[in-house]
ModelCIF file with pLDDT and N, C-alpha, C, O atoms, coordinates in Angstrom:
data_MODEL
#
_entry.id   MODEL 
#
_entity.id                         1 
_entity.type                       polymer 
_entity.pdbx_number_of_molecules   1 
#
_entity_poly.entity_id                      1 
_entity_poly.type                           'polypeptide(L)' 
_entity_poly.nstd_linkage                   no 
_entity_poly.nstd_monomer                   no 
_entity_poly.pdbx_seq_one_letter_code       RWGEATGLTVKRVDTARRRVEIMENAVMVGRRVKVGTPKTHHRRSV 
_entity_poly.pdbx_seq_one_letter_code_can   RWGEATGLTVKRVDTARRRVEIMENAVMVGRRVKVGTPKTHHRRSV 
_entity_poly.pdbx_strand_id                 A 
#
loop_
_entity_poly_seq.entity_id 
_entity_poly_seq.num 
_entity_poly_seq.mon_id 
_entity_poly_seq.hetero 
1 1  ARG n 
1 2  TRP n 
1 3  GLY n 
1 4  GLU n 
1 5  ALA n 
1 6  THR n 
1 7  GLY n 
1 8  LEU n 
1 9  THR n 
1 10 VAL n 
1 11 LYS n 
1 12 ARG n 
1 13 VAL n 
1 14 ASP n 
1 15 THR n 
1 16 ALA n 
1 17 ARG n 
1 18 ARG n 
1 19 ARG n 
1 20 VAL n 
1 21 GLU n 
1 22 ILE n 
1 23 MET n 
1 24 GLU n 
1 25 ASN n 
1 26 ALA n 
1 27 VAL n 
1 28 MET n 
1 29 VAL n 
1 30 GLY n 
1 31 ARG n 
1 32 ARG n 
1 33 VAL n 
1 34 LYS n 
1 35 VAL n 
1 36 GLY n 
1 37 THR n 
1 38 PRO n 
1 39 LYS n 
1 40 THR n 
1 41 HIS n 
1 42 HIS n 
1 43 ARG n 
1 44 ARG n 
1 45 SER n 
1 46 VAL n 
#
_struct_asym.id          A 
_struct_asym.entity_id   1 
#
loop_
_ma_qa_metric.id 
_ma_qa_metric.mode 
_ma_qa_metric.name 
_ma_qa_metric.software_group_id 
_ma_qa_metric.type 
1 global pLDDT . pLDDT 
2 local  pLDDT . pLDDT 
#
_ma_qa_metric_global.metric_id      1 
_ma_qa_metric_global.metric_value   86.83 
_ma_qa_metric_global.model_id       1 
_ma_qa_metric_global.ordinal_id     1 
#
loop_
_ma_qa_metric_local.label_asym_id 
_ma_qa_metric_local.label_comp_id 
_ma_qa_metric_local.label_seq_id 
_ma_qa_metric_local.metric_id 
_ma_qa_metric_local.metric_value 
_ma_qa_metric_local.model_id 
_ma_qa_metric_local.ordinal_id 
A ARG 1  2 89.00 1 1  
A TRP 2  2 86.00 1 2  
A GLY 3  2 87.00 1 3  
A GLU 4  2 90.00 1 4  
A ALA 5  2 91.00 1 5  
A THR 6  2 88.00 1 6  
A GLY 7  2 89.00 1 7  
A LEU 8  2 92.00 1 8  
A THR 9  2 94.00 1 9  
A VAL 10 2 96.00 1 10 
A LYS 11 2 96.00 1 11 
A ARG 12 2 96.00 1 12 
A VAL 13 2 96.00 1 13 
A ASP 14 2 96.00 1 14 
A THR 15 2 93.00 1 15 
A ALA 16 2 94.00 1 16 
A ARG 17 2 96.00 1 17 
A ARG 18 2 96.00 1 18 
A ARG 19 2 97.00 1 19 
A VAL 20 2 96.00 1 20 
A GLU 21 2 95.00 1 21 
A ILE 22 2 93.00 1 22 
A MET 23 2 91.00 1 23 
A GLU 24 2 86.00 1 24 
A ASN 25 2 83.00 1 25 
A ALA 26 2 82.00 1 26 
A VAL 27 2 79.00 1 27 
A MET 28 2 78.00 1 28 
A VAL 29 2 80.00 1 29 
A GLY 30 2 79.00 1 30 
A ARG 31 2 77.00 1 31 
A ARG 32 2 80.00 1 32 
A VAL 33 2 81.00 1 33 
A LYS 34 2 80.00 1 34 
A VAL 35 2 81.00 1 35 
A GLY 36 2 75.00 1 36 
A THR 37 2 75.00 1 37 
A PRO 38 2 78.00 1 38 
A LYS 39 2 76.00 1 39 
A THR 40 2 74.00 1 40 
A HIS 41 2 71.00 1 41 
A HIS 42 2 78.00 1 42 
A ARG 43 2 84.00 1 43 
A ARG 44 2 90.00 1 44 
A SER 45 2 94.00 1 45 
A VAL 46 2 96.00 1 46 
#
loop_
_atom_site.group_PDB 
_atom_site.id 
_atom_site.type_symbol 
_atom_site.label_atom_id 
_atom_site.label_alt_id 
_atom_site.label_comp_id 
_atom_site.label_asym_id 
_atom_site.label_entity_id 
_atom_site.label_seq_id 
_atom_site.pdbx_PDB_ins_code 
_atom_site.Cartn_x 
_atom_site.Cartn_y 
_atom_site.Cartn_z 
_atom_site.occupancy 
_atom_site.B_iso_or_equiv 
_atom_site.pdbx_formal_charge 
_atom_site.auth_seq_id 
_atom_site.auth_comp_id 
_atom_site.auth_asym_id 
_atom_site.auth_atom_id 
_atom_site.pdbx_PDB_model_num 
ATOM 1   N N  . ARG A 1 1  ? -7.444  7.287  -6.848  1.00 89.00 ? 1  ARG A N  1 
ATOM 2   C CA . ARG A 1 1  ? -8.704  5.962  -6.835  1.00 89.00 ? 1  ARG A CA 1 
ATOM 3   C C  . ARG A 1 1  ? -9.346  5.959  -8.025  1.00 89.00 ? 1  ARG A C  1 
ATOM 4   O O  . ARG A 1 1  ? -9.062  6.972  -8.664  1.00 89.00 ? 1  ARG A O  1 
ATOM 5   N N  . TRP A 1 2  ? -10.071 5.259  -8.569  1.00 86.00 ? 2  TRP A N  1 
ATOM 6   C CA . TRP A 1 2  ? -10.784 5.296  -9.830  1.00 86.00 ? 2  TRP A CA 1 
ATOM 7   C C  . TRP A 1 2  ? -11.880 6.736  -9.853  1.00 86.00 ? 2  TRP A C  1 
ATOM 8   O O  . TRP A 1 2  ? -12.021 7.436  -10.856 1.00 86.00 ? 2  TRP A O  1 
ATOM 9   N N  . GLY A 1 3  ? -12.400 6.916  -8.882  1.00 87.00 ? 3  GLY A N  1 
ATOM 10  C CA . GLY A 1 3  ? -13.528 7.850  -8.796  1.00 87.00 ? 3  GLY A CA 1 
ATOM 11  C C  . GLY A 1 3  ? -12.947 9.304  -8.932  1.00 87.00 ? 3  GLY A C  1 
ATOM 12  O O  . GLY A 1 3  ? -13.562 10.276 -9.372  1.00 87.00 ? 3  GLY A O  1 
ATOM 13  N N  . GLU A 1 4  ? -11.670 9.279  -8.482  1.00 90.00 ? 4  GLU A N  1 
ATOM 14  C CA . GLU A 1 4  ? -11.059 10.854 -8.465  1.00 90.00 ? 4  GLU A CA 1 
ATOM 15  C C  . GLU A 1 4  ? -10.717 10.934 -9.940  1.00 90.00 ? 4  GLU A C  1 
ATOM 16  O O  . GLU A 1 4  ? -11.056 11.902 -10.621 1.00 90.00 ? 4  GLU A O  1 
ATOM 17  N N  . ALA A 1 5  ? -9.878  9.654  -10.539 1.00 91.00 ? 5  ALA A N  1 
ATOM 18  C CA . ALA A 1 5  ? -9.487  9.904  -12.168 1.00 91.00 ? 5  ALA A CA 1 
ATOM 19  C C  . ALA A 1 5  ? -10.542 10.106 -12.905 1.00 91.00 ? 5  ALA A C  1 
ATOM 20  O O  . ALA A 1 5  ? -10.521 10.827 -13.903 1.00 91.00 ? 5  ALA A O  1 
ATOM 21  N N  . THR A 1 6  ? -11.596 9.471  -12.472 1.00 88.00 ? 6  THR A N  1 
ATOM 22  C CA . THR A 1 6  ? -13.165 9.758  -13.315 1.00 88.00 ? 6  THR A CA 1 
ATOM 23  C C  . THR A 1 6  ? -13.879 10.734 -13.101 1.00 88.00 ? 6  THR A C  1 
ATOM 24  O O  . THR A 1 6  ? -14.924 10.868 -13.738 1.00 88.00 ? 6  THR A O  1 
ATOM 25  N N  . GLY A 1 7  ? -13.494 11.629 -12.174 1.00 89.00 ? 7  GLY A N  1 
ATOM 26  C CA . GLY A 1 7  ? -14.140 12.674 -11.951 1.00 89.00 ? 7  GLY A CA 1 
ATOM 27  C C  . GLY A 1 7  ? -13.594 13.900 -12.301 1.00 89.00 ? 7  GLY A C  1 
ATOM 28  O O  . GLY A 1 7  ? -14.299 14.900 -12.437 1.00 89.00 ? 7  GLY A O  1 
ATOM 29  N N  . LEU A 1 8  ? -12.019 13.897 -12.505 1.00 92.00 ? 8  LEU A N  1 
ATOM 30  C CA . LEU A 1 8  ? -11.569 14.898 -12.828 1.00 92.00 ? 8  LEU A CA 1 
ATOM 31  C C  . LEU A 1 8  ? -11.855 15.694 -14.370 1.00 92.00 ? 8  LEU A C  1 
ATOM 32  O O  . LEU A 1 8  ? -12.003 15.149 -15.464 1.00 92.00 ? 8  LEU A O  1 
ATOM 33  N N  . THR A 1 9  ? -11.874 17.038 -14.070 1.00 94.00 ? 9  THR A N  1 
ATOM 34  C CA . THR A 1 9  ? -12.379 17.904 -15.047 1.00 94.00 ? 9  THR A CA 1 
ATOM 35  C C  . THR A 1 9  ? -10.635 18.635 -15.792 1.00 94.00 ? 9  THR A C  1 
ATOM 36  O O  . THR A 1 9  ? -9.504  18.329 -15.416 1.00 94.00 ? 9  THR A O  1 
ATOM 37  N N  . VAL A 1 10 ? -10.998 19.553 -16.817 1.00 96.00 ? 10 VAL A N  1 
ATOM 38  C CA . VAL A 1 10 ? -10.128 19.788 -17.494 1.00 96.00 ? 10 VAL A CA 1 
ATOM 39  C C  . VAL A 1 10 ? -9.534  20.960 -16.753 1.00 96.00 ? 10 VAL A C  1 
ATOM 40  O O  . VAL A 1 10 ? -8.366  21.274 -16.983 1.00 96.00 ? 10 VAL A O  1 
ATOM 41  N N  . LYS A 1 11 ? -10.300 21.662 -15.834 1.00 96.00 ? 11 LYS A N  1 
ATOM 42  C CA . LYS A 1 11 ? -10.019 22.816 -15.154 1.00 96.00 ? 11 LYS A CA 1 
ATOM 43  C C  . LYS A 1 11 ? -8.952  22.505 -13.778 1.00 96.00 ? 11 LYS A C  1 
ATOM 44  O O  . LYS A 1 11 ? -8.183  23.326 -13.280 1.00 96.00 ? 11 LYS A O  1 
ATOM 45  N N  . ARG A 1 12 ? -9.166  21.045 -13.335 1.00 96.00 ? 12 ARG A N  1 
ATOM 46  C CA . ARG A 1 12 ? -7.976  20.996 -12.590 1.00 96.00 ? 12 ARG A CA 1 
ATOM 47  C C  . ARG A 1 12 ? -6.854  20.093 -12.887 1.00 96.00 ? 12 ARG A C  1 
ATOM 48  O O  . ARG A 1 12 ? -6.375  19.255 -12.123 1.00 96.00 ? 12 ARG A O  1 
ATOM 49  N N  . VAL A 1 13 ? -6.488  20.371 -14.111 1.00 96.00 ? 13 VAL A N  1 
ATOM 50  C CA . VAL A 1 13 ? -5.244  19.930 -14.560 1.00 96.00 ? 13 VAL A CA 1 
ATOM 51  C C  . VAL A 1 13 ? -4.169  21.151 -14.777 1.00 96.00 ? 13 VAL A C  1 
ATOM 52  O O  . VAL A 1 13 ? -4.377  21.937 -15.701 1.00 96.00 ? 13 VAL A O  1 
ATOM 53  N N  . ASP A 1 14 ? -3.159  21.294 -14.035 1.00 96.00 ? 14 ASP A N  1 
ATOM 54  C CA . ASP A 1 14 ? -2.162  22.269 -14.584 1.00 96.00 ? 14 ASP A CA 1 
ATOM 55  C C  . ASP A 1 14 ? -1.002  21.671 -15.314 1.00 96.00 ? 14 ASP A C  1 
ATOM 56  O O  . ASP A 1 14 ? -0.268  21.036 -14.555 1.00 96.00 ? 14 ASP A O  1 
ATOM 57  N N  . THR A 1 15 ? -0.637  21.686 -16.507 1.00 93.00 ? 15 THR A N  1 
ATOM 58  C CA . THR A 1 15 ? 0.068   21.193 -17.653 1.00 93.00 ? 15 THR A CA 1 
ATOM 59  C C  . THR A 1 15 ? 1.400   21.765 -17.118 1.00 93.00 ? 15 THR A C  1 
ATOM 60  O O  . THR A 1 15 ? 2.224   20.916 -16.779 1.00 93.00 ? 15 THR A O  1 
ATOM 61  N N  . ALA A 1 16 ? 1.800   23.255 -16.966 1.00 94.00 ? 16 ALA A N  1 
ATOM 62  C CA . ALA A 1 16 ? 2.993   23.748 -16.853 1.00 94.00 ? 16 ALA A CA 1 
ATOM 63  C C  . ALA A 1 16 ? 3.522   23.156 -15.561 1.00 94.00 ? 16 ALA A C  1 
ATOM 64  O O  . ALA A 1 16 ? 4.718   22.866 -15.583 1.00 94.00 ? 16 ALA A O  1 
ATOM 65  N N  . ARG A 1 17 ? 2.776   22.895 -14.307 1.00 96.00 ? 17 ARG A N  1 
ATOM 66  C CA . ARG A 1 17 ? 3.352   22.216 -13.378 1.00 96.00 ? 17 ARG A CA 1 
ATOM 67  C C  . ARG A 1 17 ? 3.582   20.531 -13.040 1.00 96.00 ? 17 ARG A C  1 
ATOM 68  O O  . ARG A 1 17 ? 4.149   19.894 -12.153 1.00 96.00 ? 17 ARG A O  1 
ATOM 69  N N  . ARG A 1 18 ? 2.727   20.173 -14.401 1.00 96.00 ? 18 ARG A N  1 
ATOM 70  C CA . ARG A 1 18 ? 2.398   18.783 -13.968 1.00 96.00 ? 18 ARG A CA 1 
ATOM 71  C C  . ARG A 1 18 ? 1.597   18.340 -12.655 1.00 96.00 ? 18 ARG A C  1 
ATOM 72  O O  . ARG A 1 18 ? 1.978   17.371 -11.999 1.00 96.00 ? 18 ARG A O  1 
ATOM 73  N N  . ARG A 1 19 ? 0.641   18.978 -12.353 1.00 97.00 ? 19 ARG A N  1 
ATOM 74  C CA . ARG A 1 19 ? -0.544  18.607 -11.699 1.00 97.00 ? 19 ARG A CA 1 
ATOM 75  C C  . ARG A 1 19 ? -1.774  18.539 -11.432 1.00 97.00 ? 19 ARG A C  1 
ATOM 76  O O  . ARG A 1 19 ? -2.315  19.614 -11.694 1.00 97.00 ? 19 ARG A O  1 
ATOM 77  N N  . VAL A 1 20 ? -2.625  17.618 -10.946 1.00 96.00 ? 20 VAL A N  1 
ATOM 78  C CA . VAL A 1 20 ? -4.192  17.654 -11.055 1.00 96.00 ? 20 VAL A CA 1 
ATOM 79  C C  . VAL A 1 20 ? -4.518  18.295 -9.254  1.00 96.00 ? 20 VAL A C  1 
ATOM 80  O O  . VAL A 1 20 ? -3.822  18.251 -8.240  1.00 96.00 ? 20 VAL A O  1 
ATOM 81  N N  . GLU A 1 21 ? -5.754  18.798 -9.502  1.00 95.00 ? 21 GLU A N  1 
ATOM 82  C CA . GLU A 1 21 ? -6.219  19.016 -8.005  1.00 95.00 ? 21 GLU A CA 1 
ATOM 83  C C  . GLU A 1 21 ? -7.389  18.090 -8.121  1.00 95.00 ? 21 GLU A C  1 
ATOM 84  O O  . GLU A 1 21 ? -8.208  17.947 -9.028  1.00 95.00 ? 21 GLU A O  1 
ATOM 85  N N  . ILE A 1 22 ? -7.234  17.424 -6.810  1.00 93.00 ? 22 ILE A N  1 
ATOM 86  C CA . ILE A 1 22 ? -8.038  16.185 -6.536  1.00 93.00 ? 22 ILE A CA 1 
ATOM 87  C C  . ILE A 1 22 ? -9.075  16.941 -5.728  1.00 93.00 ? 22 ILE A C  1 
ATOM 88  O O  . ILE A 1 22 ? -8.850  17.143 -4.534  1.00 93.00 ? 22 ILE A O  1 
ATOM 89  N N  . MET A 1 23 ? -10.430 17.464 -6.407  1.00 91.00 ? 23 MET A N  1 
ATOM 90  C CA . MET A 1 23 ? -11.024 18.568 -5.363  1.00 91.00 ? 23 MET A CA 1 
ATOM 91  C C  . MET A 1 23 ? -12.710 17.700 -5.687  1.00 91.00 ? 23 MET A C  1 
ATOM 92  O O  . MET A 1 23 ? -13.622 18.270 -5.088  1.00 91.00 ? 23 MET A O  1 
ATOM 93  N N  . GLU A 1 24 ? -13.067 16.716 -6.352  1.00 86.00 ? 24 GLU A N  1 
ATOM 94  C CA . GLU A 1 24 ? -13.963 15.765 -6.683  1.00 86.00 ? 24 GLU A CA 1 
ATOM 95  C C  . GLU A 1 24 ? -14.090 14.431 -6.811  1.00 86.00 ? 24 GLU A C  1 
ATOM 96  O O  . GLU A 1 24 ? -13.044 14.035 -7.325  1.00 86.00 ? 24 GLU A O  1 
ATOM 97  N N  . ASN A 1 25 ? -14.779 13.580 -6.627  1.00 83.00 ? 25 ASN A N  1 
ATOM 98  C CA . ASN A 1 25 ? -14.486 12.166 -6.474  1.00 83.00 ? 25 ASN A CA 1 
ATOM 99  C C  . ASN A 1 25 ? -16.160 11.580 -7.110  1.00 83.00 ? 25 ASN A C  1 
ATOM 100 O O  . ASN A 1 25 ? -17.272 11.703 -6.597  1.00 83.00 ? 25 ASN A O  1 
ATOM 101 N N  . ALA A 1 26 ? -15.798 11.028 -8.213  1.00 82.00 ? 26 ALA A N  1 
ATOM 102 C CA . ALA A 1 26 ? -17.284 10.412 -8.628  1.00 82.00 ? 26 ALA A CA 1 
ATOM 103 C C  . ALA A 1 26 ? -17.459 8.932  -8.495  1.00 82.00 ? 26 ALA A C  1 
ATOM 104 O O  . ALA A 1 26 ? -16.681 8.008  -8.737  1.00 82.00 ? 26 ALA A O  1 
ATOM 105 N N  . VAL A 1 27 ? -18.877 8.955  -7.975  1.00 79.00 ? 27 VAL A N  1 
ATOM 106 C CA . VAL A 1 27 ? -19.065 7.434  -7.525  1.00 79.00 ? 27 VAL A CA 1 
ATOM 107 C C  . VAL A 1 27 ? -20.624 7.104  -7.693  1.00 79.00 ? 27 VAL A C  1 
ATOM 108 O O  . VAL A 1 27 ? -21.464 7.988  -7.529  1.00 79.00 ? 27 VAL A O  1 
ATOM 109 N N  . MET A 1 28 ? -20.905 6.032  -7.965  1.00 78.00 ? 28 MET A N  1 
ATOM 110 C CA . MET A 1 28 ? -22.481 5.311  -8.515  1.00 78.00 ? 28 MET A CA 1 
ATOM 111 C C  . MET A 1 28 ? -22.909 5.181  -7.079  1.00 78.00 ? 28 MET A C  1 
ATOM 112 O O  . MET A 1 28 ? -22.181 4.681  -6.221  1.00 78.00 ? 28 MET A O  1 
ATOM 113 N N  . VAL A 1 29 ? -24.430 5.769  -6.787  1.00 80.00 ? 29 VAL A N  1 
ATOM 114 C CA . VAL A 1 29 ? -25.135 5.774  -5.758  1.00 80.00 ? 29 VAL A CA 1 
ATOM 115 C C  . VAL A 1 29 ? -26.161 5.269  -6.301  1.00 80.00 ? 29 VAL A C  1 
ATOM 116 O O  . VAL A 1 29 ? -26.847 5.989  -7.027  1.00 80.00 ? 29 VAL A O  1 
ATOM 117 N N  . GLY A 1 30 ? -26.565 3.730  -6.053  1.00 79.00 ? 30 GLY A N  1 
ATOM 118 C CA . GLY A 1 30 ? -27.902 3.338  -6.717  1.00 79.00 ? 30 GLY A CA 1 
ATOM 119 C C  . GLY A 1 30 ? -27.346 2.811  -8.502  1.00 79.00 ? 30 GLY A C  1 
ATOM 120 O O  . GLY A 1 30 ? -26.702 1.810  -8.817  1.00 79.00 ? 30 GLY A O  1 
ATOM 121 N N  . ARG A 1 31 ? -27.910 3.958  -9.419  1.00 77.00 ? 31 ARG A N  1 
ATOM 122 C CA . ARG A 1 31 ? -28.087 4.299  -10.800 1.00 77.00 ? 31 ARG A CA 1 
ATOM 123 C C  . ARG A 1 31 ? -27.739 5.285  -10.839 1.00 77.00 ? 31 ARG A C  1 
ATOM 124 O O  . ARG A 1 31 ? -28.075 5.749  -11.928 1.00 77.00 ? 31 ARG A O  1 
ATOM 125 N N  . ARG A 1 32 ? -27.017 6.248  -10.061 1.00 80.00 ? 32 ARG A N  1 
ATOM 126 C CA . ARG A 1 32 ? -26.799 7.435  -10.497 1.00 80.00 ? 32 ARG A CA 1 
ATOM 127 C C  . ARG A 1 32 ? -25.288 7.951  -10.214 1.00 80.00 ? 32 ARG A C  1 
ATOM 128 O O  . ARG A 1 32 ? -24.787 7.449  -9.208  1.00 80.00 ? 32 ARG A O  1 
ATOM 129 N N  . VAL A 1 33 ? -24.509 8.829  -10.898 1.00 81.00 ? 33 VAL A N  1 
ATOM 130 C CA . VAL A 1 33 ? -23.440 9.228  -10.497 1.00 81.00 ? 33 VAL A CA 1 
ATOM 131 C C  . VAL A 1 33 ? -23.819 10.425 -9.485  1.00 81.00 ? 33 VAL A C  1 
ATOM 132 O O  . VAL A 1 33 ? -24.493 11.456 -9.465  1.00 81.00 ? 33 VAL A O  1 
ATOM 133 N N  . LYS A 1 34 ? -23.159 9.827  -8.837  1.00 80.00 ? 34 LYS A N  1 
ATOM 134 C CA . LYS A 1 34 ? -22.837 11.463 -7.381  1.00 80.00 ? 34 LYS A CA 1 
ATOM 135 C C  . LYS A 1 34 ? -21.240 11.946 -7.583  1.00 80.00 ? 34 LYS A C  1 
ATOM 136 O O  . LYS A 1 34 ? -20.169 11.348 -7.483  1.00 80.00 ? 34 LYS A O  1 
ATOM 137 N N  . VAL A 1 35 ? -21.560 13.131 -7.869  1.00 81.00 ? 35 VAL A N  1 
ATOM 138 C CA . VAL A 1 35 ? -20.207 13.879 -7.604  1.00 81.00 ? 35 VAL A CA 1 
ATOM 139 C C  . VAL A 1 35 ? -19.718 14.765 -6.070  1.00 81.00 ? 35 VAL A C  1 
ATOM 140 O O  . VAL A 1 35 ? -20.306 15.804 -5.771  1.00 81.00 ? 35 VAL A O  1 
ATOM 141 N N  . GLY A 1 36 ? -18.840 14.324 -5.382  1.00 75.00 ? 36 GLY A N  1 
ATOM 142 C CA . GLY A 1 36 ? -18.714 15.025 -4.343  1.00 75.00 ? 36 GLY A CA 1 
ATOM 143 C C  . GLY A 1 36 ? -17.502 15.190 -3.684  1.00 75.00 ? 36 GLY A C  1 
ATOM 144 O O  . GLY A 1 36 ? -16.698 14.911 -4.573  1.00 75.00 ? 36 GLY A O  1 
ATOM 145 N N  . THR A 1 37 ? -16.874 15.460 -2.715  1.00 75.00 ? 37 THR A N  1 
ATOM 146 C CA . THR A 1 37 ? -15.352 15.348 -2.330  1.00 75.00 ? 37 THR A CA 1 
ATOM 147 C C  . THR A 1 37 ? -14.857 13.876 -2.443  1.00 75.00 ? 37 THR A C  1 
ATOM 148 O O  . THR A 1 37 ? -15.490 12.877 -2.782  1.00 75.00 ? 37 THR A O  1 
ATOM 149 N N  . PRO A 1 38 ? -13.425 14.023 -2.031  1.00 78.00 ? 38 PRO A N  1 
ATOM 150 C CA . PRO A 1 38 ? -12.928 12.605 -2.169  1.00 78.00 ? 38 PRO A CA 1 
ATOM 151 C C  . PRO A 1 38 ? -13.081 12.050 -0.872  1.00 78.00 ? 38 PRO A C  1 
ATOM 152 O O  . PRO A 1 38 ? -13.492 12.652 0.120   1.00 78.00 ? 38 PRO A O  1 
ATOM 153 N N  . LYS A 1 39 ? -12.742 10.922 -0.938  1.00 76.00 ? 39 LYS A N  1 
ATOM 154 C CA . LYS A 1 39 ? -13.156 9.964  -0.175  1.00 76.00 ? 39 LYS A CA 1 
ATOM 155 C C  . LYS A 1 39 ? -13.102 10.027 1.146   1.00 76.00 ? 39 LYS A C  1 
ATOM 156 O O  . LYS A 1 39 ? -13.963 9.720  1.971   1.00 76.00 ? 39 LYS A O  1 
ATOM 157 N N  . THR A 1 40 ? -11.133 10.799 1.415   1.00 74.00 ? 40 THR A N  1 
ATOM 158 C CA . THR A 1 40 ? -11.209 11.262 2.441   1.00 74.00 ? 40 THR A CA 1 
ATOM 159 C C  . THR A 1 40 ? -11.739 12.737 2.829   1.00 74.00 ? 40 THR A C  1 
ATOM 160 O O  . THR A 1 40 ? -11.266 13.282 3.827   1.00 74.00 ? 40 THR A O  1 
ATOM 161 N N  . HIS A 1 41 ? -12.325 13.126 2.360   1.00 71.00 ? 41 HIS A N  1 
ATOM 162 C CA . HIS A 1 41 ? -12.670 14.959 2.517   1.00 71.00 ? 41 HIS A CA 1 
ATOM 163 C C  . HIS A 1 41 ? -11.850 15.721 2.430   1.00 71.00 ? 41 HIS A C  1 
ATOM 164 O O  . HIS A 1 41 ? -12.047 16.838 2.906   1.00 71.00 ? 41 HIS A O  1 
ATOM 165 N N  . HIS A 1 42 ? -10.357 15.349 1.654   1.00 78.00 ? 42 HIS A N  1 
ATOM 166 C CA . HIS A 1 42 ? -9.510  16.591 1.693   1.00 78.00 ? 42 HIS A CA 1 
ATOM 167 C C  . HIS A 1 42 ? -9.020  16.165 0.371   1.00 78.00 ? 42 HIS A C  1 
ATOM 168 O O  . HIS A 1 42 ? -8.645  15.094 -0.105  1.00 78.00 ? 42 HIS A O  1 
ATOM 169 N N  . ARG A 1 43 ? -9.156  17.404 -0.069  1.00 84.00 ? 43 ARG A N  1 
ATOM 170 C CA . ARG A 1 43 ? -8.389  18.205 -1.393  1.00 84.00 ? 43 ARG A CA 1 
ATOM 171 C C  . ARG A 1 43 ? -7.080  18.048 -1.541  1.00 84.00 ? 43 ARG A C  1 
ATOM 172 O O  . ARG A 1 43 ? -6.489  18.623 -0.627  1.00 84.00 ? 43 ARG A O  1 
ATOM 173 N N  . ARG A 1 44 ? -6.403  17.550 -2.252  1.00 90.00 ? 44 ARG A N  1 
ATOM 174 C CA . ARG A 1 44 ? -4.967  17.744 -2.337  1.00 90.00 ? 44 ARG A CA 1 
ATOM 175 C C  . ARG A 1 44 ? -4.648  17.818 -3.961  1.00 90.00 ? 44 ARG A C  1 
ATOM 176 O O  . ARG A 1 44 ? -5.459  17.720 -4.882  1.00 90.00 ? 44 ARG A O  1 
ATOM 177 N N  . SER A 1 45 ? -3.180  18.026 -4.030  1.00 94.00 ? 45 SER A N  1 
ATOM 178 C CA . SER A 1 45 ? -2.547  18.442 -5.408  1.00 94.00 ? 45 SER A CA 1 
ATOM 179 C C  . SER A 1 45 ? -1.804  17.526 -5.550  1.00 94.00 ? 45 SER A C  1 
ATOM 180 O O  . SER A 1 45 ? -0.980  17.279 -4.669  1.00 94.00 ? 45 SER A O  1 
ATOM 181 N N  . VAL A 1 46 ? -1.893  16.701 -6.794  1.00 96.00 ? 46 VAL A N  1 
ATOM 182 C CA . VAL A 1 46 ? -1.036  15.442 -7.009  1.00 96.00 ? 46 VAL A CA 1 
ATOM 183 C C  . VAL A 1 46 ? -0.181  15.623 -8.300  1.00 96.00 ? 46 VAL A C  1 
ATOM 184 O O  . VAL A 1 46 ? 0.584   14.730 -8.664  1.00 96.00 ? 46 VAL A O  1 
#
């Protein structure tokens, strides 16, 4: 999802395994960015 991709940080990337950990999601709330859990609240490795 867009918020998952835009919320990714370098520490969530494992280039050796070619995976990213989805642990945060960035969304706009009003005029502020809020970083929280993914939409389903389930963290996963992609």
